[in-house]
Amino acid sequence: MSTKKKKSQRQFTKDIENLLYAYGDIETPELDTINALEDILLTYVTDLCHSASLYSKTTRRAKIKVDDFKFVLRNDPIKLNRIGELLLLHKEIADAKKQFDDKEGKSFDKISNLDDDIDGNDNNSIYNNSNTTNNSNIRENSNNDNNKNNNNKNQEIKPKRKYTKTGKERKPYKKRAKKSDILAAAATAATPTPTTNP
């Protein structure tokens, strides 16, 4: 039998090489150095994930959350602060992406028309701008008409509510007493009535 080790695929070779160069190493560091650092990195990340997984199991959860990693790194304030910074940066990026969502601001058509103006097609650009505004107005009007038609169809299709079942009639509505009526009745019952003895 051969005792060859199965070589793991090196995924972070280029990243580690760039990091070493950024920290002052030569432009192409030795392959042994890169492999050793990658092994150290993979074992650290694997151990960190296992610790977070164990903590999530103690809290009876099947999935690992970011808070589990925060708990595992609670004794290392530098890494814990870095996680906080990265989460804040991630939130800022997500908020910035929401601002450029097509549903919120439909200004991309206007920007492309302004680009045509800059190119020097002044006569055509005026025509294009009026066309696009007319087209957008037509689209909005047709969308509104479609929505009205859909609302009318939905109203026509909905069956009326049936108040009686087959063979059974609906029970009459019982009027409930208000709290003020209940309190007034209780107060009158609590007050003693004068009795006259002959």
Protein backbone atom coordinates (compact mmCIF):
# COMPACT_ATOMS: atom_id res chain seq x y z
CA MET A 1 0.00 0.00 0.00
CA SER A 2 1.16 3.45 -0.76
CA THR A 3 1.15 6.02 2.02
CA LYS A 4 0.72 9.11 -0.09
CA LYS A 5 -0.98 12.02 1.55
CA LYS A 6 -3.83 13.49 -0.33
CA LYS A 7 -2.79 17.05 -1.06
CA SER A 8 -5.43 19.57 -0.26
CA GLN A 9 -6.22 22.14 -2.87
CA ARG A 10 -4.54 25.44 -2.11
CA GLN A 11 -7.19 28.11 -2.32
CA PHE A 12 -5.58 31.14 -0.71
CA THR A 13 -2.12 31.03 -2.26
CA LYS A 14 -2.44 34.28 -4.19
CA ASP A 15 -4.04 36.12 -1.25
CA ILE A 16 -1.32 35.06 1.18
CA GLU A 17 1.34 35.96 -1.37
CA ASN A 18 -0.13 39.47 -1.69
CA LEU A 19 -0.38 39.86 2.09
CA LEU A 20 3.24 38.82 2.56
CA TYR A 21 4.33 41.33 -0.07
CA ALA A 22 2.26 44.03 1.68
CA TYR A 23 4.05 43.25 4.96
CA GLY A 24 7.48 43.63 3.35
CA ASP A 25 8.36 40.23 1.93
CA ILE A 26 9.72 39.77 -1.57
CA GLU A 27 7.36 39.89 -4.53
CA THR A 28 7.26 36.11 -4.98
CA PRO A 29 7.78 34.43 -1.60
CA GLU A 30 8.75 30.78 -1.32
CA LEU A 31 6.03 28.23 -1.86
CA ASP A 32 6.82 26.46 1.44
CA THR A 33 6.19 29.69 3.36
CA ILE A 34 2.86 30.23 1.63
CA ASN A 35 1.77 26.62 2.22
CA ALA A 36 2.73 26.76 5.91
CA LEU A 37 0.82 29.99 6.44
CA GLU A 38 -2.19 28.59 4.61
CA ASP A 39 -2.19 25.48 6.80
CA ILE A 40 -2.04 27.66 9.94
CA LEU A 41 -4.84 29.85 8.64
CA LEU A 42 -7.08 26.91 7.74
CA THR A 43 -6.61 25.21 11.11
CA TYR A 44 -7.37 28.48 12.95
CA VAL A 45 -10.54 29.14 10.95
CA THR A 46 -11.63 25.51 11.32
CA ASP A 47 -11.12 25.59 15.10
CA LEU A 48 -12.97 28.90 15.32
CA CYS A 49 -15.92 27.47 13.39
CA HIS A 50 -15.99 24.35 15.57
CA SER A 51 -16.01 26.46 18.73
CA ALA A 52 -18.85 28.59 17.37
CA SER A 53 -20.72 25.43 16.40
CA LEU A 54 -20.34 24.00 19.91
CA TYR A 55 -21.65 27.21 21.42
CA SER A 56 -24.64 27.23 19.08
CA LYS A 57 -25.41 23.63 20.08
CA THR A 58 -25.33 24.54 23.77
CA THR A 59 -27.94 27.20 23.06
CA ARG A 60 -29.94 24.54 21.19
CA ARG A 61 -29.70 26.06 17.75
CA ALA A 62 -28.91 24.17 14.57
CA LYS A 63 -27.40 27.13 12.74
CA ILE A 64 -24.38 29.23 13.58
CA LYS A 65 -24.94 32.97 13.93
CA VAL A 66 -22.55 35.91 13.95
CA ASP A 67 -23.16 36.25 17.68
CA ASP A 68 -21.63 32.80 18.16
CA PHE A 69 -18.38 34.03 16.61
CA LYS A 70 -18.53 37.12 18.79
CA PHE A 71 -18.89 34.89 21.84
CA VAL A 72 -15.94 32.73 20.82
CA LEU A 73 -13.76 35.81 20.25
CA ARG A 74 -14.93 37.62 23.41
CA ASN A 75 -11.47 37.29 25.01
CA ASP A 76 -9.69 38.84 22.01
CA PRO A 77 -10.80 42.50 21.88
CA ILE A 78 -8.86 43.32 18.69
CA LYS A 79 -10.61 40.64 16.63
CA LEU A 80 -13.93 41.38 18.30
CA ASN A 81 -13.67 45.06 17.35
CA ARG A 82 -12.69 44.11 13.81
CA ILE A 83 -15.82 41.96 13.51
CA GLY A 84 -17.90 44.93 14.66
CA GLU A 85 -16.26 47.19 12.08
CA LEU A 86 -16.85 44.66 9.29
CA LEU A 87 -20.51 44.24 10.27
CA LEU A 88 -20.99 48.01 10.30
CA LEU A 89 -19.31 48.30 6.89
CA HIS A 90 -21.53 45.51 5.55
CA LYS A 91 -24.62 47.36 6.77
CA GLU A 92 -23.48 50.61 5.13
CA ILE A 93 -22.89 48.83 1.82
CA ALA A 94 -26.34 47.21 1.97
CA ASP A 95 -27.94 50.60 2.66
CA ALA A 96 -26.07 52.15 -0.28
CA LYS A 97 -27.28 49.36 -2.57
CA LYS A 98 -30.87 49.99 -1.49
CA GLN A 99 -30.56 53.61 -2.55
CA PHE A 100 -29.73 52.57 -6.12
CA ASP A 101 -32.52 50.06 -6.38
CA ASP A 102 -34.55 50.32 -9.59
CA LYS A 103 -37.83 50.23 -7.71
CA GLU A 104 -37.09 53.29 -5.60
CA GLY A 105 -35.44 55.67 -8.06
CA LYS A 106 -36.24 55.24 -11.72
CA SER A 107 -33.80 57.90 -12.79
CA PHE A 108 -31.61 55.69 -14.99
CA ASP A 109 -33.64 56.56 -18.11
CA LYS A 110 -33.21 60.25 -17.38
CA ILE A 111 -29.46 59.84 -16.92
CA SER A 112 -29.08 58.04 -20.25
CA ASN A 113 -31.00 60.84 -21.97
CA LEU A 114 -28.76 63.44 -20.38
CA ASP A 115 -25.76 61.51 -21.71
CA ASP A 116 -27.18 61.93 -25.22
CA ASP A 117 -27.34 65.69 -24.65
CA ILE A 118 -23.69 65.77 -23.71
CA ASP A 119 -22.71 63.94 -26.90
CA GLY A 120 -23.81 66.95 -28.94
CA ASN A 121 -27.03 65.69 -30.47
CA ASP A 122 -29.00 68.73 -29.30
CA ASN A 123 -31.79 68.50 -31.88
CA ASN A 124 -32.25 64.79 -31.45
CA SER A 125 -31.89 64.98 -27.69
CA ILE A 126 -34.85 67.36 -27.37
CA TYR A 127 -36.88 64.96 -29.45
CA ASN A 128 -35.64 62.01 -27.37
CA ASN A 129 -36.43 63.77 -24.09
CA SER A 130 -39.96 64.61 -25.16
CA ASN A 131 -40.40 61.06 -26.43
CA THR A 132 -39.19 59.52 -23.20
CA THR A 133 -41.37 61.74 -21.07
CA ASN A 134 -44.35 60.98 -23.29
CA ASN A 135 -43.50 57.28 -23.22
CA SER A 136 -43.14 57.30 -19.45
CA ASN A 137 -46.46 59.15 -19.11
CA ILE A 138 -48.10 56.63 -21.42
CA ARG A 139 -46.61 53.75 -19.41
CA GLU A 140 -47.84 55.25 -16.14
CA ASN A 141 -51.31 55.84 -17.57
CA SER A 142 -51.52 52.33 -18.96
CA ASN A 143 -50.32 50.91 -15.64
CA ASN A 144 -52.98 52.91 -13.81
CA ASP A 145 -55.65 51.72 -16.26
CA ASN A 146 -54.49 48.13 -15.82
CA ASN A 147 -54.63 48.48 -12.04
CA LYS A 148 -58.16 49.93 -12.22
CA ASN A 149 -59.26 47.12 -14.53
CA ASN A 150 -57.72 44.52 -12.22
CA ASN A 151 -59.44 46.07 -9.19
CA ASN A 152 -62.79 46.05 -11.01
CA LYS A 153 -62.30 42.43 -12.04
CA ASN A 154 -61.40 41.44 -8.48
CA GLN A 155 -64.50 43.15 -7.16
CA GLU A 156 -66.70 41.45 -9.72
CA ILE A 157 -65.23 38.01 -9.11
CA LYS A 158 -65.52 38.04 -5.31
CA PRO A 159 -68.64 36.17 -4.24
CA LYS A 160 -70.92 37.79 -1.74
CA ARG A 161 -70.69 36.52 1.79
CA LYS A 162 -73.29 33.99 2.68
CA TYR A 163 -74.94 34.46 6.04
CA THR A 164 -76.88 31.24 6.09
CA LYS A 165 -75.73 27.72 5.76
CA THR A 166 -77.83 25.12 4.08
CA GLY A 167 -80.47 23.94 6.53
CA LYS A 168 -79.32 26.26 9.31
CA GLU A 169 -80.11 29.86 9.95
CA ARG A 170 -77.75 32.39 11.37
CA LYS A 171 -78.03 33.03 15.09
CA PRO A 172 -79.23 36.51 15.99
CA TYR A 173 -76.67 39.00 17.26
CA LYS A 174 -76.64 39.40 21.01
CA LYS A 175 -75.96 42.89 22.17
CA ARG A 176 -73.23 42.96 24.74
CA ALA A 177 -73.30 45.32 27.66
CA LYS A 178 -70.68 48.05 27.84
CA LYS A 179 -68.28 48.30 30.75
CA SER A 180 -69.92 51.49 31.94
CA ASP A 181 -73.32 49.74 32.05
CA ILE A 182 -71.84 46.85 34.02
CA LEU A 183 -70.16 49.19 36.50
CA ALA A 184 -73.35 51.23 36.93
CA ALA A 185 -75.37 48.08 37.57
CA ALA A 186 -72.82 46.90 40.12
CA ALA A 187 -72.86 50.28 41.87
CA THR A 188 -76.64 50.32 42.15
CA ALA A 189 -76.64 46.78 43.45
CA ALA A 190 -74.02 47.66 46.05
CA THR A 191 -75.89 50.67 47.45
CA PRO A 192 -78.27 49.69 50.21
CA THR A 193 -81.89 50.47 49.70
CA PRO A 194 -83.68 52.12 52.61
CA THR A 195 -86.12 49.79 54.21
CA THR A 196 -88.98 51.01 56.32
CA ASN A 197 -90.01 49.00 59.29
CA PRO A 198 -93.59 49.53 60.53
